Amino acid sequence: MVLRAAAAALFVLSPAGSSGGDGRPVHTYSIVARDSATGQLGVAVQSHWFSVGSMVTWAEAGVGAVATQSFVDPAYGPLGLSLMRSGKTPAQALEGLLAADPGRDVRQVAMVDVRGMVAVHTGSRCIQGAGHIAGKGYAVQANLMRDDGIWPAMARAYESATGDLAERMLRALEAAEAAGEDIRGKQSAAILIVSGVSTGRPWADKVMDLRVDDHTDPLGELRRLVRLHRAYDHMNRGDLALEHGDVEGALRAYGAAEALVPGNAEMMFWHAVALVNAGRAGESLPLFRTVFAADSSWATLVPRLPAAGVLTADQATISRILSVAPPR
């Protein structure tokens, strides 16, 4: 009873909760999950709706993850996290929020917490096909599907997939698409992953936060962005290595980034810079040549780097680098 009262009080503060949402079904299918190896918490979604990630995906490091969909009430996201942060289980949090919501029969909501406990609700008036499966450390849910085979396909894909949390959740979404998808088609997708333990610095605890707001192939584009995100993670590690004087570590990180996204000019440029800093300017020249051919602005940048301490090169080396730029 105390939980229901608390949830009701929270909903009074929420325009979406008090009004019952905007009255239109926003969501297609989603997954919430906790990675047992890393403790990471995540939610991923695809929908035939613009910018689905701005409403459906919610997560907080050290607390849990929430997907709120169907006739969506975004308030379930922050309020569900607030209740779990206060010590409620996902089942208790969801029960309290549903009890306070007159629109509960058209809601579809899933929650997972840092212990891997899950709770999921599919309202009796969600548009068919609609349903969910709660598994060990995850829940999959869908509505407005062509048939009832979508969420079982998602569960099988997630449980059989290997790799990190992002990869396994993507496999679940792709299995839904292959099994028949939303009856309306597709438009947007999103993935949000946070650390299992909070550092008190939300910006550092966010592992991945990617959105495809409007695209003819949102899942394909989301997978491309995940790959790019991984590449830039390597770039960040390379930059950090350079800050600490670990040139060889930087070279390994930049090389790993390039391998993920071949032909990316920025990644090649900083890889080349690291080679120069390692005393291997000759090896850097083919990379610089490719980058300068793609965009001469990179050549303009080179002479500015030594003063910032980013490029360790004398004037002769800089001239050698710029000699591979196309003539202007």
Protein backbone atom coordinates (compact mmCIF):
# COMPACT_ATOMS: atom_id res chain seq x y z
CA MET A 1 0.00 0.00 0.00
CA VAL A 2 2.86 2.37 0.81
CA LEU A 3 4.41 1.62 -2.57
CA ARG A 4 1.13 2.33 -4.37
CA ALA A 5 0.79 5.63 -2.58
CA ALA A 6 4.35 6.58 -3.46
CA ALA A 7 3.82 5.66 -7.08
CA ALA A 8 0.58 7.62 -7.21
CA ALA A 9 2.38 10.65 -5.81
CA LEU A 10 5.06 10.31 -8.45
CA PHE A 11 2.50 10.14 -11.21
CA VAL A 12 0.86 13.33 -9.99
CA LEU A 13 4.16 15.03 -10.83
CA SER A 14 4.19 13.57 -14.33
CA PRO A 15 2.13 15.15 -17.11
CA ALA A 16 2.39 11.97 -19.15
CA GLY A 17 1.22 9.85 -16.22
CA SER A 18 -1.70 12.06 -15.37
CA SER A 19 -2.88 12.41 -18.94
CA GLY A 20 -2.34 8.81 -19.96
CA GLY A 21 0.15 9.60 -22.74
CA ASP A 22 -0.55 10.87 -26.19
CA GLY A 23 -3.02 8.13 -27.13
CA ARG A 24 -1.00 6.60 -29.97
CA PRO A 25 1.02 3.36 -29.98
CA VAL A 26 4.66 4.34 -30.28
CA HIS A 27 6.50 1.10 -29.90
CA THR A 28 7.29 -2.03 -31.83
CA TYR A 29 9.65 -4.38 -29.98
CA SER A 30 12.37 -4.05 -27.35
CA ILE A 31 14.64 -5.86 -24.91
CA VAL A 32 15.90 -4.95 -21.45
CA ALA A 33 18.83 -6.95 -20.11
CA ARG A 34 21.66 -7.23 -17.60
CA ASP A 35 24.97 -8.72 -18.70
CA SER A 36 25.99 -11.25 -16.05
CA ALA A 37 29.69 -10.98 -16.99
CA THR A 38 30.06 -7.20 -16.79
CA GLY A 39 27.00 -6.12 -14.83
CA GLN A 40 26.09 -3.70 -17.61
CA LEU A 41 22.42 -2.78 -17.98
CA GLY A 42 20.80 -2.06 -21.31
CA VAL A 43 17.69 -1.52 -23.38
CA ALA A 44 17.31 -1.66 -27.16
CA VAL A 45 14.30 -1.00 -29.38
CA GLN A 46 13.02 -0.69 -32.93
CA SER A 47 9.74 0.93 -33.96
CA HIS A 48 7.68 2.38 -36.75
CA TRP A 49 7.72 5.72 -34.98
CA PHE A 50 9.93 8.76 -35.16
CA SER A 51 12.72 9.01 -32.54
CA VAL A 52 11.63 6.00 -30.51
CA GLY A 53 14.72 6.20 -28.30
CA SER A 54 13.63 9.53 -26.84
CA MET A 55 10.61 7.87 -25.19
CA VAL A 56 11.20 4.14 -24.79
CA THR A 57 14.78 3.70 -23.52
CA TRP A 58 15.74 4.49 -19.93
CA ALA A 59 18.70 3.29 -17.85
CA GLU A 60 20.77 4.37 -14.87
CA ALA A 61 24.11 2.92 -13.78
CA GLY A 62 23.87 0.93 -10.58
CA VAL A 63 20.07 0.91 -10.76
CA GLY A 64 18.46 -0.71 -13.80
CA ALA A 65 16.94 -0.30 -17.24
CA VAL A 66 13.37 0.30 -18.40
CA ALA A 67 11.49 0.04 -21.68
CA THR A 68 8.09 1.79 -21.77
CA GLN A 69 5.99 1.33 -24.89
CA SER A 70 2.69 0.54 -26.61
CA PHE A 71 0.44 3.54 -25.81
CA VAL A 72 3.58 4.91 -24.29
CA ASP A 73 3.84 6.82 -21.06
CA PRO A 74 7.46 8.00 -20.81
CA ALA A 75 7.00 8.59 -17.06
CA TYR A 76 7.44 4.88 -16.44
CA GLY A 77 11.13 5.30 -17.31
CA PRO A 78 12.33 7.86 -14.75
CA LEU A 79 9.76 6.82 -12.15
CA GLY A 80 10.63 3.15 -12.46
CA LEU A 81 14.31 3.97 -12.06
CA SER A 82 13.52 6.16 -9.05
CA LEU A 83 11.64 3.34 -7.32
CA MET A 84 14.38 0.80 -8.05
CA ARG A 85 16.99 3.29 -6.83
CA SER A 86 15.05 3.47 -3.54
CA GLY A 87 15.39 -0.30 -3.11
CA LYS A 88 12.25 -1.66 -4.75
CA THR A 89 12.50 -4.72 -6.93
CA PRO A 90 11.43 -4.37 -10.56
CA ALA A 91 8.23 -6.27 -9.72
CA GLN A 92 7.44 -3.95 -6.83
CA ALA A 93 8.24 -0.83 -8.84
CA LEU A 94 6.13 -1.95 -11.79
CA GLU A 95 3.25 -3.00 -9.57
CA GLY A 96 3.17 0.37 -7.89
CA LEU A 97 3.31 2.33 -11.13
CA LEU A 98 0.59 0.24 -12.76
CA ALA A 99 -1.65 0.60 -9.70
CA ALA A 100 -1.42 4.38 -10.02
CA ASP A 101 -2.03 4.46 -13.78
CA PRO A 102 -5.60 4.41 -15.17
CA GLY A 103 -4.12 3.62 -18.59
CA ARG A 104 -2.39 0.43 -17.42
CA ASP A 105 -4.32 -1.79 -19.84
CA VAL A 106 -2.71 -0.14 -22.88
CA ARG A 107 0.83 -0.03 -21.47
CA GLN A 108 3.70 -2.39 -22.16
CA VAL A 109 6.61 -1.97 -19.75
CA ALA A 110 9.70 -4.00 -18.86
CA MET A 111 12.31 -3.46 -16.13
CA VAL A 112 15.58 -5.09 -15.09
CA ASP A 113 17.73 -4.21 -12.08
CA VAL A 114 21.38 -4.62 -11.05
CA ARG A 115 20.68 -8.09 -9.65
CA GLY A 116 19.22 -9.27 -12.92
CA MET A 117 15.69 -9.36 -11.55
CA VAL A 118 13.07 -8.56 -14.21
CA ALA A 119 9.43 -7.56 -14.40
CA VAL A 120 7.29 -7.05 -17.49
CA HIS A 121 3.69 -6.10 -18.20
CA THR A 122 1.63 -6.31 -21.38
CA GLY A 123 -1.73 -4.64 -20.92
CA SER A 124 -4.87 -6.50 -21.95
CA ARG A 125 -5.72 -3.80 -24.50
CA CYS A 126 -2.32 -3.59 -26.22
CA ILE A 127 -2.82 -4.01 -29.96
CA GLN A 128 -2.20 -7.56 -31.12
CA GLY A 129 0.05 -9.30 -31.68
CA ALA A 130 1.40 -8.34 -28.33
CA GLY A 131 3.24 -10.28 -25.67
CA HIS A 132 6.43 -10.76 -23.74
CA ILE A 133 8.88 -13.29 -22.31
CA ALA A 134 10.87 -12.79 -19.12
CA GLY A 135 14.08 -14.80 -18.97
CA LYS A 136 17.15 -14.94 -16.76
CA GLY A 137 18.37 -11.34 -16.55
CA TYR A 138 16.32 -10.10 -19.50
CA ALA A 139 12.85 -9.48 -20.87
CA VAL A 140 11.65 -9.14 -24.47
CA GLN A 141 8.35 -7.53 -25.40
CA ALA A 142 6.48 -6.52 -28.53
CA ASN A 143 3.17 -5.16 -29.71
CA LEU A 144 1.54 -4.42 -33.06
CA MET A 145 3.34 -7.43 -34.56
CA ARG A 146 2.29 -9.41 -37.60
CA ASP A 147 2.03 -12.55 -35.47
CA ASP A 148 2.86 -14.00 -32.05
CA GLY A 149 6.20 -15.48 -33.07
CA ILE A 150 8.18 -12.28 -32.64
CA TRP A 151 8.99 -12.19 -28.93
CA PRO A 152 9.82 -15.94 -28.73
CA ALA A 153 12.27 -15.41 -31.62
CA MET A 154 13.84 -12.51 -29.71
CA ALA A 155 14.27 -14.62 -26.58
CA ARG A 156 15.88 -17.49 -28.48
CA ALA A 157 18.25 -15.12 -30.26
CA TYR A 158 19.33 -13.34 -27.09
CA GLU A 159 19.92 -16.56 -25.17
CA SER A 160 21.93 -18.15 -27.98
CA ALA A 161 23.95 -15.07 -28.96
CA THR A 162 27.57 -14.54 -27.97
CA GLY A 163 29.50 -11.32 -27.52
CA ASP A 164 28.93 -8.28 -25.35
CA LEU A 165 25.58 -6.89 -24.26
CA ALA A 166 25.21 -4.61 -27.27
CA GLU A 167 25.76 -7.49 -29.68
CA ARG A 168 23.33 -9.80 -27.92
CA MET A 169 20.59 -7.17 -27.79
CA LEU A 170 21.12 -6.35 -31.47
CA ARG A 171 20.74 -10.04 -32.29
CA ALA A 172 17.42 -10.06 -30.46
CA LEU A 173 16.14 -7.07 -32.46
CA GLU A 174 17.35 -8.58 -35.72
CA ALA A 175 15.59 -11.85 -34.89
CA ALA A 176 12.35 -9.93 -34.42
CA GLU A 177 12.81 -8.27 -37.79
CA ALA A 178 13.51 -11.60 -39.47
CA ALA A 179 10.49 -13.22 -37.82
CA GLY A 180 7.97 -10.76 -39.21
CA GLU A 181 8.44 -7.30 -37.68
CA ASP A 182 5.90 -4.58 -36.90
CA ILE A 183 2.78 -4.66 -39.03
CA ARG A 184 3.36 -0.96 -39.85
CA GLY A 185 6.99 -1.30 -40.95
CA LYS A 186 10.02 0.42 -39.40
CA GLN A 187 11.43 3.89 -38.89
CA SER A 188 13.65 4.29 -35.82
CA ALA A 189 15.81 2.32 -33.39
CA ALA A 190 17.94 2.93 -30.30
CA ILE A 191 20.29 1.27 -27.84
CA LEU A 192 21.25 2.49 -24.36
CA ILE A 193 23.78 0.72 -22.10
CA VAL A 194 25.10 1.83 -18.71
CA SER A 195 27.57 0.43 -16.20
CA GLY A 196 26.39 -1.93 -13.52
CA VAL A 197 28.06 0.15 -10.82
CA SER A 198 27.66 3.89 -10.54
CA THR A 199 30.72 6.08 -10.19
CA GLY A 200 28.60 9.13 -9.44
CA ARG A 201 29.59 10.51 -12.86
CA PRO A 202 26.70 9.75 -15.26
CA TRP A 203 28.73 10.78 -18.30
CA ALA A 204 31.37 8.18 -17.45
CA ASP A 205 28.83 5.48 -16.58
CA LYS A 206 27.11 5.63 -19.97
CA VAL A 207 28.63 2.84 -22.05
CA MET A 208 26.60 3.40 -25.23
CA ASP A 209 23.75 5.72 -26.19
CA LEU A 210 22.87 5.58 -29.89
CA ARG A 211 19.70 6.56 -31.73
CA VAL A 212 18.49 6.26 -35.29
CA ASP A 213 15.53 8.62 -35.44
CA ASP A 214 14.39 8.28 -39.06
CA HIS A 215 15.76 5.71 -41.49
CA THR A 216 14.54 3.19 -44.05
CA ASP A 217 16.69 0.51 -42.36
CA PRO A 218 16.95 1.57 -38.72
CA LEU A 219 18.41 -1.70 -37.45
CA GLY A 220 21.06 -1.80 -40.16
CA GLU A 221 21.97 1.79 -39.38
CA LEU A 222 22.01 1.09 -35.64
CA ARG A 223 24.42 -1.81 -36.16
CA ARG A 224 26.65 0.48 -38.25
CA LEU A 225 26.65 3.06 -35.46
CA VAL A 226 27.48 0.42 -32.87
CA ARG A 227 30.49 -0.61 -34.95
CA LEU A 228 31.53 3.03 -35.27
CA HIS A 229 31.07 3.49 -31.53
CA ARG A 230 33.40 0.56 -30.87
CA ALA A 231 35.97 2.10 -33.21
CA TYR A 232 35.86 5.45 -31.44
CA ASP A 233 36.21 3.66 -28.10
CA HIS A 234 39.54 2.41 -29.45
CA MET A 235 40.36 5.96 -30.57
CA ASN A 236 39.66 7.26 -27.07
CA ARG A 237 41.94 4.60 -25.61
CA GLY A 238 44.59 5.65 -28.11
CA ASP A 239 44.27 9.28 -27.11
CA LEU A 240 44.55 8.33 -23.44
CA ALA A 241 47.63 6.25 -24.17
CA LEU A 242 49.24 9.24 -25.90
CA GLU A 243 48.48 11.43 -22.89
CA HIS A 244 50.42 8.95 -20.76
CA GLY A 245 53.31 8.66 -23.18
CA ASP A 246 52.40 5.12 -24.25
CA VAL A 247 52.97 5.51 -27.98
CA GLU A 248 52.92 1.78 -28.72
CA GLY A 249 49.64 1.41 -26.86
CA ALA A 250 48.22 4.31 -28.87
CA LEU A 251 49.31 2.67 -32.12
CA ARG A 252 47.57 -0.57 -31.18
CA ALA A 253 44.38 1.26 -30.28
CA TYR A 254 44.34 3.40 -33.42
CA GLY A 255 45.05 0.34 -35.55
CA ALA A 256 42.14 -1.50 -33.95
CA ALA A 257 39.87 1.44 -34.70
CA GLU A 258 40.94 1.51 -38.35
CA ALA A 259 40.32 -2.21 -38.67
CA LEU A 260 36.72 -1.71 -37.59
CA VAL A 261 36.08 1.25 -39.90
CA PRO A 262 38.47 1.05 -42.86
CA GLY A 263 38.93 4.29 -44.76
CA ASN A 264 37.88 6.61 -41.95
CA ALA A 265 40.04 9.71 -42.49
CA GLU A 266 40.12 10.87 -38.89
CA MET A 267 41.19 7.48 -37.60
CA MET A 268 43.94 7.23 -40.22
CA PHE A 269 45.12 10.75 -39.41
CA TRP A 270 45.61 10.14 -35.69
CA HIS A 271 47.16 6.77 -36.38
CA ALA A 272 49.66 8.57 -38.61
CA VAL A 273 50.33 11.16 -35.90
CA ALA A 274 51.05 8.38 -33.41
CA LEU A 275 53.50 6.81 -35.85
CA VAL A 276 55.39 10.10 -36.12
CA ASN A 277 55.47 10.38 -32.34
CA ALA A 278 56.90 6.87 -32.20
CA GLY A 279 59.77 7.93 -34.45
CA ARG A 280 58.32 6.10 -37.43
CA ALA A 281 57.52 9.03 -39.71
CA GLY A 282 58.25 7.02 -42.83
CA GLU A 283 55.45 4.59 -42.01
CA SER A 284 53.06 7.48 -41.45
CA LEU A 285 53.38 8.96 -44.93
CA PRO A 286 51.04 6.57 -46.80
CA LEU A 287 48.35 7.26 -44.21
CA PHE A 288 48.84 11.01 -44.41
CA ARG A 289 48.75 10.83 -48.22
CA THR A 290 45.38 9.05 -48.18
CA VAL A 291 43.91 11.45 -45.64
CA PHE A 292 45.15 14.58 -47.42
CA ALA A 293 43.75 13.29 -50.72
CA ALA A 294 40.35 12.90 -49.12
CA ASP A 295 40.36 16.39 -47.56
CA SER A 296 43.17 18.94 -47.73
CA SER A 297 42.01 20.50 -44.45
CA TRP A 298 43.92 17.78 -42.61
CA ALA A 299 47.16 19.11 -44.12
CA THR A 300 46.28 22.57 -42.81
CA LEU A 301 45.90 21.07 -39.34
CA VAL A 302 49.31 19.39 -39.19
CA PRO A 303 51.49 22.47 -38.48
CA ARG A 304 49.20 23.48 -35.62
CA LEU A 305 49.71 20.27 -33.65
CA PRO A 306 53.28 20.62 -32.28
CA ALA A 307 52.42 23.73 -30.25
CA ALA A 308 49.62 21.78 -28.57
CA GLY A 309 52.00 18.95 -27.73
CA VAL A 310 50.04 16.51 -29.87
CA LEU A 311 52.64 16.01 -32.60
CA THR A 312 56.31 15.57 -31.75
CA ALA A 313 57.96 16.74 -34.94
CA ASP A 314 60.53 19.31 -36.02
CA GLN A 315 60.04 21.56 -39.03
CA ALA A 316 61.84 19.15 -41.33
CA THR A 317 59.48 16.32 -40.37
CA ILE A 318 56.44 18.55 -40.80
CA SER A 319 57.65 19.53 -44.26
CA ARG A 320 58.13 15.86 -45.07
CA ILE A 321 54.58 15.11 -44.00
CA LEU A 322 53.13 17.99 -46.00
CA SER A 323 55.10 16.91 -49.07
CA VAL A 324 52.61 14.05 -49.60
CA ALA A 325 49.62 16.44 -49.75
CA PRO A 326 48.17 17.07 -53.23
CA PRO A 327 49.38 20.35 -54.74
CA ARG A 328 46.98 23.24 -54.31
